[in-house]
């Protein structure tokens, strides 16, 4: 399991600075909005006026391992 987490973290780090399309699904537990990329990667998005069910372009700013962090833009 540790190896899989390390592989996932490295793959997600390669996405830092890139833009991905995200379908917003629900409010995130610790703020922001939770969504998923077209490939199923979980993303927590920061931004104002985000609507559940919308597709938004997100710039990836960080990762917590399996989850990407980003901002609209």
Protein backbone atom coordinates (compact mmCIF):
# COMPACT_ATOMS: atom_id res chain seq x y z
CA UNK A 1 0.00 0.00 0.00
CA UNK A 2 2.86 2.38 0.81
CA UNK A 3 4.34 1.86 -2.65
CA UNK A 4 1.00 2.66 -4.31
CA UNK A 5 0.67 5.90 -2.30
CA UNK A 6 4.19 6.92 -3.37
CA UNK A 7 3.43 6.20 -7.04
CA UNK A 8 0.18 8.20 -6.84
CA UNK A 9 1.93 11.12 -5.14
CA UNK A 10 4.62 11.25 -7.85
CA UNK A 11 2.04 11.13 -10.65
CA UNK A 12 0.04 13.93 -9.02
CA UNK A 13 3.15 16.08 -8.48
CA UNK A 14 3.74 16.01 -12.25
CA UNK A 15 0.39 17.79 -12.66
CA UNK A 16 1.46 20.80 -10.55
CA UNK A 17 0.95 24.00 -12.55
CA UNK A 18 -1.17 22.33 -15.22
CA UNK A 19 -4.85 22.93 -15.93
CA UNK A 20 -7.43 20.16 -15.68
CA UNK A 21 -11.17 20.07 -16.26
CA UNK A 22 -13.11 19.20 -13.10
CA UNK A 23 -16.74 18.24 -12.51
CA UNK A 24 -17.76 19.76 -9.18
CA UNK A 25 -19.61 17.27 -6.97
CA UNK A 26 -20.04 18.57 -3.41
CA UNK A 27 -18.74 20.98 -0.77
CA UNK A 28 -15.36 19.76 0.51
CA UNK A 29 -15.06 18.79 4.19
CA UNK A 30 -12.46 21.45 5.04
CA UNK A 31 -13.57 24.22 2.68
CA UNK A 32 -13.64 24.62 -1.06
CA UNK A 33 -15.52 22.34 -3.44
CA UNK A 34 -14.82 18.67 -4.13
CA UNK A 35 -14.77 17.36 -7.68
CA UNK A 36 -13.12 14.89 -10.02
CA UNK A 37 -11.14 15.16 -13.23
CA UNK A 38 -12.21 13.34 -16.39
CA UNK A 39 -9.83 10.55 -15.34
CA UNK A 40 -11.38 10.29 -11.87
CA UNK A 41 -8.71 12.03 -9.81
CA UNK A 42 -10.17 13.73 -6.71
CA UNK A 43 -9.69 17.51 -6.56
CA UNK A 44 -10.46 20.15 -3.93
CA UNK A 45 -11.08 23.47 -5.69
CA UNK A 46 -10.86 26.94 -4.13
CA UNK A 47 -12.91 29.70 -5.69
CA UNK A 48 -16.03 31.80 -5.34
CA UNK A 49 -19.45 31.10 -6.82
CA UNK A 50 -18.77 27.49 -7.79
CA UNK A 51 -21.86 25.43 -8.57
CA UNK A 52 -22.29 21.73 -7.99
CA UNK A 53 -22.65 19.94 -11.33
CA UNK A 54 -20.53 22.50 -13.23
CA UNK A 55 -17.40 21.75 -15.22
CA UNK A 56 -14.58 24.21 -14.45
CA UNK A 57 -10.96 24.64 -15.56
CA UNK A 58 -8.69 24.29 -12.53
CA UNK A 59 -4.99 25.12 -12.17
CA UNK A 60 -3.37 22.46 -9.98
CA UNK A 61 -1.51 24.15 -7.10
CA UNK A 62 -0.78 21.24 -4.78
CA UNK A 63 -1.44 17.67 -3.74
CA UNK A 64 -2.10 15.84 -0.50
CA UNK A 65 -1.06 12.54 -2.04
CA UNK A 66 -4.18 11.11 -3.67
CA UNK A 67 -6.05 14.42 -3.82
CA UNK A 68 -5.17 17.36 -6.06
CA UNK A 69 -5.62 20.94 -4.84
CA UNK A 70 -6.39 23.77 -7.22
CA UNK A 71 -7.92 27.11 -8.04
CA UNK A 72 -10.33 28.09 -10.79
CA UNK A 73 -8.54 29.69 -13.64
